[in-house]
């Protein structure tokens, strides 16, 4: 364990996290990532899991932006009553 990690754990007061807990969290995170979900966890480094997590979140943001834009275009081309119904459904 690096001295930097050790210091940060000690400075956090009574709430510390163990290497086993970090490994467990990285493993859980890996299971959420489609690109590396099925890889054996001992074959994927924590750094790779974190990098893939960043990539996955960036892609999700792009998808949300794209879908928001498409929805805005759809609402702009529908009549006011239909647009109001769609907005109402989205707010539920």
Protein backbone atom coordinates (compact mmCIF):
# COMPACT_ATOMS: atom_id res chain seq x y z
CA UNK A 1 0.00 0.00 0.00
CA UNK A 2 1.38 3.42 -0.90
CA UNK A 3 2.18 5.90 1.84
CA UNK A 4 -0.15 8.45 0.20
CA UNK A 5 -3.10 6.04 0.44
CA UNK A 6 -2.13 5.15 3.99
CA UNK A 7 -2.00 8.80 5.03
CA UNK A 8 -5.36 9.59 3.45
CA UNK A 9 -6.97 6.68 5.24
CA UNK A 10 -5.53 7.74 8.57
CA UNK A 11 -6.53 11.37 8.15
CA UNK A 12 -10.16 10.47 7.52
CA UNK A 13 -10.61 9.88 11.24
CA UNK A 14 -12.45 6.89 12.62
CA UNK A 15 -13.89 5.97 9.25
CA UNK A 16 -11.30 3.93 7.38
CA UNK A 17 -11.61 1.63 4.43
CA UNK A 18 -9.67 -1.59 4.07
CA UNK A 19 -8.01 -3.00 0.98
CA UNK A 20 -10.60 -5.79 1.02
CA UNK A 21 -13.41 -3.23 0.96
CA UNK A 22 -11.76 -1.39 -1.94
CA UNK A 23 -11.35 -4.66 -3.83
CA UNK A 24 -14.98 -5.54 -3.18
CA UNK A 25 -16.17 -2.13 -4.42
CA UNK A 26 -14.00 -2.37 -7.56
CA UNK A 27 -15.41 -5.85 -8.21
CA UNK A 28 -18.99 -4.56 -7.82
CA UNK A 29 -18.21 -1.67 -10.13
CA UNK A 30 -16.78 -4.07 -12.70
CA UNK A 31 -20.07 -5.99 -12.72
CA UNK A 32 -21.88 -2.81 -13.80
CA UNK A 33 -19.67 -2.24 -16.85
CA UNK A 34 -20.71 -4.02 -20.04
CA UNK A 35 -17.19 -3.91 -21.55
CA UNK A 36 -15.55 -5.87 -18.72
CA UNK A 37 -18.46 -7.46 -16.88
CA UNK A 38 -17.58 -11.02 -17.86
CA UNK A 39 -13.81 -10.78 -17.43
CA UNK A 40 -12.40 -12.56 -14.39
CA UNK A 41 -11.92 -9.93 -11.71
CA UNK A 42 -8.37 -11.07 -11.01
CA UNK A 43 -7.51 -10.36 -14.67
CA UNK A 44 -8.70 -6.72 -14.67
CA UNK A 45 -6.79 -4.08 -12.73
CA UNK A 46 -8.54 -1.54 -10.55
CA UNK A 47 -7.13 1.17 -12.81
CA UNK A 48 -8.77 -0.48 -15.84
CA UNK A 49 -12.10 -0.72 -13.99
CA UNK A 50 -11.93 2.97 -13.08
CA UNK A 51 -10.98 3.97 -16.63
CA UNK A 52 -13.83 1.91 -18.08
CA UNK A 53 -16.18 3.46 -15.52
CA UNK A 54 -15.21 6.95 -16.68
CA UNK A 55 -15.70 5.95 -20.33
CA UNK A 56 -19.06 4.36 -19.58
CA UNK A 57 -20.31 7.43 -17.70
CA UNK A 58 -19.16 9.71 -20.54
CA UNK A 59 -21.06 7.53 -23.03
CA UNK A 60 -24.18 7.60 -20.86
CA UNK A 61 -23.99 11.40 -20.73
CA UNK A 62 -23.74 11.52 -24.53
CA UNK A 63 -26.75 9.22 -24.85
CA UNK A 64 -28.79 11.37 -22.47
CA UNK A 65 -27.83 14.51 -24.40
CA UNK A 66 -28.74 12.86 -27.71
CA UNK A 67 -32.08 11.59 -26.42
CA UNK A 68 -32.87 14.98 -24.88
CA UNK A 69 -32.18 16.66 -28.19
CA UNK A 70 -34.32 14.17 -30.08
CA UNK A 71 -37.14 14.63 -27.57
CA UNK A 72 -36.92 18.42 -27.91
CA UNK A 73 -37.14 18.09 -31.69
CA UNK A 74 -40.13 15.76 -31.35
CA UNK A 75 -41.92 18.13 -29.00
CA UNK A 76 -41.24 21.04 -31.33
CA UNK A 77 -42.89 19.23 -34.26
CA UNK A 78 -46.01 18.02 -32.44
CA UNK A 79 -49.05 20.13 -31.77
CA UNK A 80 -49.43 21.88 -28.44
CA UNK A 81 -51.94 19.40 -26.98
CA UNK A 82 -49.78 16.37 -27.82
CA UNK A 83 -46.66 18.11 -26.52
CA UNK A 84 -48.45 18.89 -23.24
CA UNK A 85 -49.46 15.23 -22.87
CA UNK A 86 -45.89 14.07 -23.50
CA UNK A 87 -44.48 16.61 -21.02
CA UNK A 88 -47.03 15.53 -18.43
CA UNK A 89 -46.06 11.88 -18.88
CA UNK A 90 -42.38 12.72 -18.52
CA UNK A 91 -42.96 14.58 -15.29
CA UNK A 92 -44.60 11.57 -13.62
